[in-house]
Amino acid sequence: MERTKLITDNQVLFCQSSLIDELLKHGVIADEDITIQEDDKILEWWLVTSWLAKQLEERSQTIIHAFDCCFWGRTTSGQAIYLDNVIREIAQR
């Protein structure tokens, strides 16, 4: 768990759910610019580093690249991010 905590402490920057929701609502980011896996429902949006975004994309996670930033569409909620299976998978690498 220590490596997963280290990854989230250093690579997951800020929750940006409200920002992304507003950008989508006003068409600044188009729905078609987001590739979401068929069964996924995005529950939260997080600003992440480009390193973590690459790791997440390799695992079919939803990432928006906009404004020189990377936003991760998290499909879980209600638990610490370091407990997410995808973060654990990255940490085991």
PDB file of N, CA and C in Angstrom:
ATOM      1  N   MET A   1       0.824  -1.199   0.000  1.00  0.00           N
ATOM      2  CA  MET A   1       0.000   0.000   0.000  1.00  0.00           C
ATOM      3  C   MET A   1       0.868   1.264   0.000  1.00  0.00           C
ATOM      4  N   GLU A   2       2.052   1.158   0.480  1.00  0.00           N
ATOM      5  CA  GLU A   2       2.906   2.336   0.573  1.00  0.00           C
ATOM      6  C   GLU A   2       3.185   2.966  -0.793  1.00  0.00           C
ATOM      7  N   ARG A   3       3.460   2.139  -1.800  1.00  0.00           N
ATOM      8  CA  ARG A   3       3.714   2.671  -3.146  1.00  0.00           C
ATOM      9  C   ARG A   3       2.446   3.293  -3.737  1.00  0.00           C
ATOM     10  N   THR A   4       1.297   2.691  -3.508  1.00  0.00           N
ATOM     11  CA  THR A   4       0.050   3.262  -4.028  1.00  0.00           C
ATOM     12  C   THR A   4      -0.211   4.628  -3.394  1.00  0.00           C
ATOM     13  N   LYS A   5       0.061   4.743  -2.121  1.00  0.00           N
ATOM     14  CA  LYS A   5      -0.122   6.033  -1.420  1.00  0.00           C
ATOM     15  C   LYS A   5       0.859   7.071  -1.968  1.00  0.00           C
ATOM     16  N   LEU A   6       2.069   6.667  -2.208  1.00  0.00           N
ATOM     17  CA  LEU A   6       3.081   7.557  -2.768  1.00  0.00           C
ATOM     18  C   LEU A   6       2.662   8.057  -4.150  1.00  0.00           C
ATOM     19  N   ILE A   7       2.137   7.158  -4.974  1.00  0.00           N
ATOM     20  CA  ILE A   7       1.677   7.544  -6.310  1.00  0.00           C
ATOM     21  C   ILE A   7       0.562   8.574  -6.205  1.00  0.00           C
ATOM     22  N   THR A   8      -0.434   8.299  -5.382  1.00  0.00           N
ATOM     23  CA  THR A   8      -1.564   9.237  -5.298  1.00  0.00           C
ATOM     24  C   THR A   8      -1.146  10.565  -4.673  1.00  0.00           C
ATOM     25  N   ASP A   9      -0.269  10.527  -3.690  1.00  0.00           N
ATOM     26  CA  ASP A   9       0.178  11.772  -3.050  1.00  0.00           C
ATOM     27  C   ASP A   9       0.944  12.678  -4.005  1.00  0.00           C
ATOM     28  N   ASN A  10       1.660  12.064  -4.961  1.00  0.00           N
ATOM     29  CA  ASN A  10       2.516  12.845  -5.854  1.00  0.00           C
ATOM     30  C   ASN A  10       1.991  13.011  -7.274  1.00  0.00           C
ATOM     31  N   GLN A  11       1.061  12.173  -7.696  1.00  0.00           N
ATOM     32  CA  GLN A  11       0.624  12.182  -9.095  1.00  0.00           C
ATOM     33  C   GLN A  11      -0.832  12.592  -9.293  1.00  0.00           C
ATOM     34  N   VAL A  12      -1.641  12.505  -8.250  1.00  0.00           N
ATOM     35  CA  VAL A  12      -3.041  12.937  -8.307  1.00  0.00           C
ATOM     36  C   VAL A  12      -3.088  14.307  -7.632  1.00  0.00           C
ATOM     37  N   LEU A  13      -3.443  15.332  -8.401  1.00  0.00           N
ATOM     38  CA  LEU A  13      -3.248  16.696  -7.920  1.00  0.00           C
ATOM     39  C   LEU A  13      -4.485  17.318  -7.266  1.00  0.00           C
ATOM     40  N   PHE A  14      -5.592  17.412  -7.978  1.00  0.00           N
ATOM     41  CA  PHE A  14      -6.791  18.071  -7.446  1.00  0.00           C
ATOM     42  C   PHE A  14      -8.041  17.467  -8.061  1.00  0.00           C
ATOM     43  N   CYS A  15      -9.103  17.441  -7.279  1.00  0.00           N
ATOM     44  CA  CYS A  15     -10.397  17.054  -7.819  1.00  0.00           C
ATOM     45  C   CYS A  15     -10.896  18.196  -8.702  1.00  0.00           C
ATOM     46  N   GLN A  16     -11.325  17.862  -9.906  1.00  0.00           N
ATOM     47  CA  GLN A  16     -11.758  18.876 -10.869  1.00  0.00           C
ATOM     48  C   GLN A  16     -13.145  18.572 -11.432  1.00  0.00           C
ATOM     49  N   SER A  17     -13.951  17.833 -10.688  1.00  0.00           N
ATOM     50  CA  SER A  17     -15.266  17.420 -11.173  1.00  0.00           C
ATOM     51  C   SER A  17     -16.135  18.604 -11.579  1.00  0.00           C
ATOM     52  N   SER A  18     -16.205  19.613 -10.726  1.00  0.00           N
ATOM     53  CA  SER A  18     -17.046  20.784 -11.036  1.00  0.00           C
ATOM     54  C   SER A  18     -16.547  21.506 -12.281  1.00  0.00           C
ATOM     55  N   LEU A  19     -15.241  21.653 -12.403  1.00  0.00           N
ATOM     56  CA  LEU A  19     -14.660  22.329 -13.566  1.00  0.00           C
ATOM     57  C   LEU A  19     -14.988  21.571 -14.849  1.00  0.00           C
ATOM     58  N   ILE A  20     -14.732  20.269 -14.875  1.00  0.00           N
ATOM     59  CA  ILE A  20     -14.981  19.483 -16.087  1.00  0.00           C
ATOM     60  C   ILE A  20     -16.464  19.474 -16.415  1.00  0.00           C
ATOM     61  N   ASP A  21     -17.322  19.345 -15.407  1.00  0.00           N
ATOM     62  CA  ASP A  21     -18.771  19.383 -15.649  1.00  0.00           C
ATOM     63  C   ASP A  21     -19.186  20.692 -16.316  1.00  0.00           C
ATOM     64  N   GLU A  22     -18.633  21.810 -15.862  1.00  0.00           N
ATOM     65  CA  GLU A  22     -18.954  23.116 -16.459  1.00  0.00           C
ATOM     66  C   GLU A  22     -18.403  23.237 -17.874  1.00  0.00           C
ATOM     67  N   LEU A  23     -17.186  22.761 -18.091  1.00  0.00           N
ATOM     68  CA  LEU A  23     -16.595  22.811 -19.434  1.00  0.00           C
ATOM     69  C   LEU A  23     -17.397  21.970 -20.422  1.00  0.00           C
ATOM     70  N   LEU A  24     -17.874  20.821 -19.972  1.00  0.00           N
ATOM     71  CA  LEU A  24     -18.718  19.980 -20.822  1.00  0.00           C
ATOM     72  C   LEU A  24     -20.070  20.643 -21.068  1.00  0.00           C
ATOM     73  N   LYS A  25     -20.637  21.190 -20.020  1.00  0.00           N
ATOM     74  CA  LYS A  25     -21.949  21.844 -20.111  1.00  0.00           C
ATOM     75  C   LYS A  25     -21.939  22.990 -21.122  1.00  0.00           C
ATOM     76  N   HIS A  26     -20.843  23.739 -21.166  1.00  0.00           N
ATOM     77  CA  HIS A  26     -20.745  24.894 -22.052  1.00  0.00           C
ATOM     78  C   HIS A  26     -20.059  24.581 -23.381  1.00  0.00           C
ATOM     79  N   GLY A  27     -19.775  23.319 -23.616  1.00  0.00           N
ATOM     80  CA  GLY A  27     -19.220  22.902 -24.899  1.00  0.00           C
ATOM     81  C   GLY A  27     -17.752  23.246 -25.107  1.00  0.00           C
ATOM     82  N   VAL A  28     -17.061  23.644 -24.054  1.00  0.00           N
ATOM     83  CA  VAL A  28     -15.625  23.938 -24.180  1.00  0.00           C
ATOM     84  C   VAL A  28     -14.866  22.640 -24.453  1.00  0.00           C
ATOM     85  N   ILE A  29     -15.305  21.593 -23.807  1.00  0.00           N
ATOM     86  CA  ILE A  29     -14.834  20.240 -24.118  1.00  0.00           C
ATOM     87  C   ILE A  29     -16.049  19.508 -24.658  1.00  0.00           C
ATOM     88  N   ALA A  30     -15.921  18.954 -25.842  1.00  0.00           N
ATOM     89  CA  ALA A  30     -17.046  18.264 -26.472  1.00  0.00           C
ATOM     90  C   ALA A  30     -17.130  16.824 -25.980  1.00  0.00           C
ATOM     91  N   ASP A  31     -18.342  16.336 -25.836  1.00  0.00           N
ATOM     92  CA  ASP A  31     -18.551  14.943 -25.413  1.00  0.00           C
ATOM     93  C   ASP A  31     -17.809  13.970 -26.317  1.00  0.00           C
ATOM     94  N   GLU A  32     -17.775  14.287 -27.611  1.00  0.00           N
ATOM     95  CA  GLU A  32     -17.113  13.370 -28.550  1.00  0.00           C
ATOM     96  C   GLU A  32     -15.590  13.367 -28.408  1.00  0.00           C
ATOM     97  N   ASP A  33     -15.047  14.316 -27.646  1.00  0.00           N
ATOM     98  CA  ASP A  33     -13.612  14.347 -27.394  1.00  0.00           C
ATOM     99  C   ASP A  33     -13.206  13.415 -26.254  1.00  0.00           C
ATOM    100  N   ILE A  34     -14.191  12.788 -25.630  1.00  0.00           N
ATOM    101  CA  ILE A  34     -13.932  11.911 -24.501  1.00  0.00           C
ATOM    102  C   ILE A  34     -14.270  10.483 -24.909  1.00  0.00           C
ATOM    103  N   THR A  35     -13.312   9.608 -24.761  1.00  0.00           N
ATOM    104  CA  THR A  35     -13.543   8.197 -25.048  1.00  0.00           C
ATOM    105  C   THR A  35     -13.743   7.474 -23.728  1.00  0.00           C
ATOM    106  N   ILE A  36     -14.971   7.056 -23.497  1.00  0.00           N
ATOM    107  CA  ILE A  36     -15.308   6.346 -22.272  1.00  0.00           C
ATOM    108  C   ILE A  36     -15.642   4.912 -22.640  1.00  0.00           C
ATOM    109  N   GLN A  37     -15.094   3.977 -21.887  1.00  0.00           N
ATOM    110  CA  GLN A  37     -15.415   2.575 -22.114  1.00  0.00           C
ATOM    111  C   GLN A  37     -16.922   2.388 -21.966  1.00  0.00           C
ATOM    112  N   GLU A  38     -17.485   1.481 -22.745  1.00  0.00           N
ATOM    113  CA  GLU A  38     -18.931   1.316 -22.859  1.00  0.00           C
ATOM    114  C   GLU A  38     -19.655   1.189 -21.515  1.00  0.00           C
ATOM    115  N   ASP A  39     -19.126   0.422 -20.582  1.00  0.00           N
ATOM    116  CA  ASP A  39     -19.808   0.178 -19.313  1.00  0.00           C
ATOM    117  C   ASP A  39     -19.399   1.144 -18.204  1.00  0.00           C
ATOM    118  N   ASP A  40     -18.491   2.043 -18.482  1.00  0.00           N
ATOM    119  CA  ASP A  40     -17.986   2.955 -17.446  1.00  0.00           C
ATOM    120  C   ASP A  40     -18.908   4.140 -17.229  1.00  0.00           C
ATOM    121  N   LYS A  41     -18.988   4.565 -15.996  1.00  0.00           N
ATOM    122  CA  LYS A  41     -19.668   5.798 -15.641  1.00  0.00           C
ATOM    123  C   LYS A  41     -18.661   6.623 -14.843  1.00  0.00           C
ATOM    124  N   ILE A  42     -18.351   7.795 -15.351  1.00  0.00           N
ATOM    125  CA  ILE A  42     -17.390   8.654 -14.675  1.00  0.00           C
ATOM    126  C   ILE A  42     -18.082   9.287 -13.473  1.00  0.00           C
ATOM    127  N   LEU A  43     -17.493   9.089 -12.296  1.00  0.00           N
ATOM    128  CA  LEU A  43     -18.059   9.630 -11.059  1.00  0.00           C
ATOM    129  C   LEU A  43     -17.309  10.871 -10.586  1.00  0.00           C
ATOM    130  N   GLU A  44     -16.029  10.969 -10.929  1.00  0.00           N
ATOM    131  CA  GLU A  44     -15.188  12.095 -10.503  1.00  0.00           C
ATOM    132  C   GLU A  44     -14.157  12.386 -11.587  1.00  0.00           C
ATOM    133  N   TRP A  45     -13.735  13.632 -11.644  1.00  0.00           N
ATOM    134  CA  TRP A  45     -12.643  14.035 -12.532  1.00  0.00           C
ATOM    135  C   TRP A  45     -11.493  14.552 -11.681  1.00  0.00           C
ATOM    136  N   TRP A  46     -10.295  14.065 -11.968  1.00  0.00           N
ATOM    137  CA  TRP A  46      -9.105  14.456 -11.208  1.00  0.00           C
ATOM    138  C   TRP A  46      -8.012  14.958 -12.138  1.00  0.00           C
ATOM    139  N   LEU A  47      -7.391  16.052 -11.753  1.00  0.00           N
ATOM    140  CA  LEU A  47      -6.200  16.551 -12.434  1.00  0.00           C
ATOM    141  C   LEU A  47      -5.045  15.657 -12.007  1.00  0.00           C
ATOM    142  N   VAL A  48      -4.360  15.072 -12.991  1.00  0.00           N
ATOM    143  CA  VAL A  48      -3.246  14.171 -12.702  1.00  0.00           C
ATOM    144  C   VAL A  48      -2.028  14.593 -13.524  1.00  0.00           C
ATOM    145  N   THR A  49      -0.888  14.085 -13.141  1.00  0.00           N
ATOM    146  CA  THR A  49       0.333  14.373 -13.897  1.00  0.00           C
ATOM    147  C   THR A  49       0.298  13.631 -15.229  1.00  0.00           C
ATOM    148  N   SER A  50       1.122  14.068 -16.153  1.00  0.00           N
ATOM    149  CA  SER A  50       1.175  13.403 -17.457  1.00  0.00           C
ATOM    150  C   SER A  50       1.688  11.971 -17.317  1.00  0.00           C
ATOM    151  N   TRP A  51       2.588  11.719 -16.363  1.00  0.00           N
ATOM    152  CA  TRP A  51       3.080  10.359 -16.142  1.00  0.00           C
ATOM    153  C   TRP A  51       1.926   9.440 -15.747  1.00  0.00           C
ATOM    154  N   LEU A  52       1.124   9.876 -14.776  1.00  0.00           N
ATOM    155  CA  LEU A  52       0.012   9.038 -14.338  1.00  0.00           C
ATOM    156  C   LEU A  52      -1.038   8.907 -15.435  1.00  0.00           C
ATOM    157  N   ALA A  53      -1.280   9.971 -16.175  1.00  0.00           N
ATOM    158  CA  ALA A  53      -2.246   9.907 -17.274  1.00  0.00           C
ATOM    159  C   ALA A  53      -1.833   8.826 -18.272  1.00  0.00           C
ATOM    160  N   LYS A  54      -0.571   8.752 -18.591  1.00  0.00           N
ATOM    161  CA  LYS A  54      -0.071   7.731 -19.527  1.00  0.00           C
ATOM    162  C   LYS A  54      -0.299   6.334 -18.956  1.00  0.00           C
ATOM    163  N   GLN A  55       0.001   6.163 -17.682  1.00  0.00           N
ATOM    164  CA  GLN A  55      -0.209   4.860 -17.033  1.00  0.00           C
ATOM    165  C   GLN A  55      -1.689   4.487 -17.046  1.00  0.00           C
ATOM    166  N   LEU A  56      -2.554   5.441 -16.778  1.00  0.00           N
ATOM    167  CA  LEU A  56      -3.992   5.194 -16.755  1.00  0.00           C
ATOM    168  C   LEU A  56      -4.524   4.873 -18.157  1.00  0.00           C
ATOM    169  N   GLU A  57      -4.051   5.612 -19.155  1.00  0.00           N
ATOM    170  CA  GLU A  57      -4.478   5.354 -20.544  1.00  0.00           C
ATOM    171  C   GLU A  57      -4.087   3.950 -20.980  1.00  0.00           C
ATOM    172  N   GLU A  58      -2.917   3.496 -20.570  1.00  0.00           N
ATOM    173  CA  GLU A  58      -2.469   2.146 -20.910  1.00  0.00           C
ATOM    174  C   GLU A  58      -3.388   1.080 -20.324  1.00  0.00           C
ATOM    175  N   ARG A  59      -4.169   1.474 -19.338  1.00  0.00           N
ATOM    176  CA  ARG A  59      -5.108   0.562 -18.679  1.00  0.00           C
ATOM    177  C   ARG A  59      -6.556   0.918 -19.015  1.00  0.00           C
ATOM    178  N   SER A  60      -6.728   1.570 -20.160  1.00  0.00           N
ATOM    179  CA  SER A  60      -8.048   1.906 -20.712  1.00  0.00           C
ATOM    180  C   SER A  60      -8.885   2.817 -19.810  1.00  0.00           C
ATOM    181  N   GLN A  61      -8.225   3.678 -19.064  1.00  0.00           N
ATOM    182  CA  GLN A  61      -8.939   4.665 -18.258  1.00  0.00           C
ATOM    183  C   GLN A  61      -9.218   5.903 -19.105  1.00  0.00           C
ATOM    184  N   THR A  62     -10.275   6.619 -18.773  1.00  0.00           N
ATOM    185  CA  THR A  62     -10.648   7.822 -19.513  1.00  0.00           C
ATOM    186  C   THR A  62      -9.768   8.993 -19.082  1.00  0.00           C
ATOM    187  N   ILE A  63      -9.125   9.619 -20.060  1.00  0.00           N
ATOM    188  CA  ILE A  63      -8.273  10.792 -19.824  1.00  0.00           C
ATOM    189  C   ILE A  63      -8.679  11.870 -20.814  1.00  0.00           C
ATOM    190  N   ILE A  64      -8.826  13.091 -20.315  1.00  0.00           N
ATOM    191  CA  ILE A  64      -9.022  14.251 -21.185  1.00  0.00           C
ATOM    192  C   ILE A  64      -7.713  15.033 -21.182  1.00  0.00           C
ATOM    193  N   HIS A  65      -7.211  15.318 -22.375  1.00  0.00           N
ATOM    194  CA  HIS A  65      -6.035  16.188 -22.519  1.00  0.00           C
ATOM    195  C   HIS A  65      -6.565  17.537 -22.994  1.00  0.00           C
ATOM    196  N   ALA A  66      -6.486  18.526 -22.134  1.00  0.00           N
ATOM    197  CA  ALA A  66      -6.977  19.861 -22.496  1.00  0.00           C
ATOM    198  C   ALA A  66      -6.232  20.910 -21.681  1.00  0.00           C
ATOM    199  N   PHE A  67      -5.975  22.034 -22.305  1.00  0.00           N
ATOM    200  CA  PHE A  67      -5.344  23.173 -21.624  1.00  0.00           C
ATOM    201  C   PHE A  67      -3.984  22.792 -21.022  1.00  0.00           C
ATOM    202  N   ASP A  68      -3.237  21.957 -21.720  1.00  0.00           N
ATOM    203  CA  ASP A  68      -1.946  21.457 -21.229  1.00  0.00           C
ATOM    204  C   ASP A  68      -2.062  20.724 -19.900  1.00  0.00           C
ATOM    205  N   CYS A  69      -3.203  20.110 -19.673  1.00  0.00           N
ATOM    206  CA  CYS A  69      -3.458  19.349 -18.451  1.00  0.00           C
ATOM    207  C   CYS A  69      -4.017  17.976 -18.807  1.00  0.00           C
ATOM    208  N   CYS A  70      -3.972  17.095 -17.831  1.00  0.00           N
ATOM    209  CA  CYS A  70      -4.540  15.755 -17.986  1.00  0.00           C
ATOM    210  C   CYS A  70      -5.578  15.555 -16.890  1.00  0.00           C
ATOM    211  N   PHE A  71      -6.786  15.176 -17.294  1.00  0.00           N
ATOM    212  CA  PHE A  71      -7.872  14.958 -16.355  1.00  0.00           C
ATOM    213  C   PHE A  71      -8.302  13.500 -16.449  1.00  0.00           C
ATOM    214  N   TRP A  72      -8.310  12.824 -15.330  1.00  0.00           N
ATOM    215  CA  TRP A  72      -8.671  11.409 -15.254  1.00  0.00           C
ATOM    216  C   TRP A  72     -10.132  11.274 -14.850  1.00  0.00           C
ATOM    217  N   GLY A  73     -10.885  10.513 -15.610  1.00  0.00           N
ATOM    218  CA  GLY A  73     -12.272  10.222 -15.282  1.00  0.00           C
ATOM    219  C   GLY A  73     -12.334   8.991 -14.398  1.00  0.00           C
ATOM    220  N   ARG A  74     -12.462   9.212 -13.118  1.00  0.00           N
ATOM    221  CA  ARG A  74     -12.462   8.120 -12.139  1.00  0.00           C
ATOM    222  C   ARG A  74     -13.837   7.460 -12.091  1.00  0.00           C
ATOM    223  N   THR A  75     -13.855   6.150 -12.110  1.00  0.00           N
ATOM    224  CA  THR A  75     -15.116   5.406 -12.143  1.00  0.00           C
ATOM    225  C   THR A  75     -15.494   4.833 -10.778  1.00  0.00           C
ATOM    226  N   THR A  76     -14.734   5.184  -9.768  1.00  0.00           N
ATOM    227  CA  THR A  76     -15.067   4.792  -8.396  1.00  0.00           C
ATOM    228  C   THR A  76     -15.164   6.047  -7.548  1.00  0.00           C
ATOM    229  N   SER A  77     -15.789   5.902  -6.396  1.00  0.00           N
ATOM    230  CA  SER A  77     -15.945   7.037  -5.498  1.00  0.00           C
ATOM    231  C   SER A  77     -16.188   6.495  -4.090  1.00  0.00           C
ATOM    232  N   GLY A  78     -15.948   7.330  -3.109  1.00  0.00           N
ATOM    233  CA  GLY A  78     -16.249   6.930  -1.742  1.00  0.00           C
ATOM    234  C   GLY A  78     -15.134   6.178  -1.044  1.00  0.00           C
ATOM    235  N   GLN A  79     -13.988   6.070  -1.681  1.00  0.00           N
ATOM    236  CA  GLN A  79     -12.834   5.444  -1.046  1.00  0.00           C
ATOM    237  C   GLN A  79     -11.591   6.232  -1.444  1.00  0.00           C
ATOM    238  N   ALA A  80     -10.548   6.061  -0.698  1.00  0.00           N
ATOM    239  CA  ALA A  80      -9.281   6.724  -1.019  1.00  0.00           C
ATOM    240  C   ALA A  80      -8.806   6.252  -2.389  1.00  0.00           C
ATOM    241  N   ILE A  81      -8.259   7.161  -3.175  1.00  0.00           N
ATOM    242  CA  ILE A  81      -7.820   6.827  -4.533  1.00  0.00           C
ATOM    243  C   ILE A  81      -6.759   5.734  -4.521  1.00  0.00           C
ATOM    244  N   TYR A  82      -5.903   5.710  -3.517  1.00  0.00           N
ATOM    245  CA  TYR A  82      -4.858   4.687  -3.496  1.00  0.00           C
ATOM    246  C   TYR A  82      -5.416   3.270  -3.342  1.00  0.00           C
ATOM    247  N   LEU A  83      -6.697   3.140  -3.026  1.00  0.00           N
ATOM    248  CA  LEU A  83      -7.347   1.835  -2.945  1.00  0.00           C
ATOM    249  C   LEU A  83      -7.932   1.364  -4.275  1.00  0.00           C
ATOM    250  N   ASP A  84      -7.999   2.255  -5.275  1.00  0.00           N
ATOM    251  CA  ASP A  84      -8.540   1.881  -6.586  1.00  0.00           C
ATOM    252  C   ASP A  84      -7.681   0.781  -7.212  1.00  0.00           C
ATOM    253  N   ASN A  85      -8.345  -0.182  -7.821  1.00  0.00           N
ATOM    254  CA  ASN A  85      -7.627  -1.300  -8.453  1.00  0.00           C
ATOM    255  C   ASN A  85      -6.623  -0.832  -9.487  1.00  0.00           C
ATOM    256  N   VAL A  86      -6.988   0.173 -10.285  1.00  0.00           N
ATOM    257  CA  VAL A  86      -6.081   0.631 -11.336  1.00  0.00           C
ATOM    258  C   VAL A  86      -4.813   1.250 -10.737  1.00  0.00           C
ATOM    259  N   ILE A  87      -4.928   1.937  -9.619  1.00  0.00           N
ATOM    260  CA  ILE A  87      -3.740   2.514  -8.952  1.00  0.00           C
ATOM    261  C   ILE A  87      -2.884   1.395  -8.374  1.00  0.00           C
ATOM    262  N   ARG A  88      -3.522   0.402  -7.797  1.00  0.00           N
ATOM    263  CA  ARG A  88      -2.765  -0.758  -7.274  1.00  0.00           C
ATOM    264  C   ARG A  88      -1.999  -1.456  -8.388  1.00  0.00           C
ATOM    265  N   GLU A  89      -2.660  -1.581  -9.544  1.00  0.00           N
ATOM    266  CA  GLU A  89      -2.027  -2.204 -10.704  1.00  0.00           C
ATOM    267  C   GLU A  89      -0.795  -1.412 -11.138  1.00  0.00           C
ATOM    268  N   ILE A  90      -0.917  -0.107 -11.188  1.00  0.00           N
ATOM    269  CA  ILE A  90       0.213   0.754 -11.575  1.00  0.00           C
ATOM    270  C   ILE A  90       1.350   0.619 -10.550  1.00  0.00           C
ATOM    271  N   ALA A  91       0.999   0.563  -9.284  1.00  0.00           N
ATOM    272  CA  ALA A  91       2.002   0.478  -8.224  1.00  0.00           C
ATOM    273  C   ALA A  91       2.783  -0.832  -8.265  1.00  0.00           C
ATOM    274  N   GLN A  92       2.157  -1.890  -8.759  1.00  0.00           N
ATOM    275  CA  GLN A  92       2.826  -3.192  -8.828  1.00  0.00           C
ATOM    276  C   GLN A  92       3.821  -3.280  -9.958  1.00  0.00           C
ATOM    277  N   ARG A  93       3.769  -2.357 -10.847  1.00  0.00           N
ATOM    278  CA  ARG A  93       4.636  -2.365 -12.026  1.00  0.00           C
ATOM    279  C   ARG A  93       6.074  -2.187 -11.666  1.00  0.00           C
TER     280      ARG A  93
END
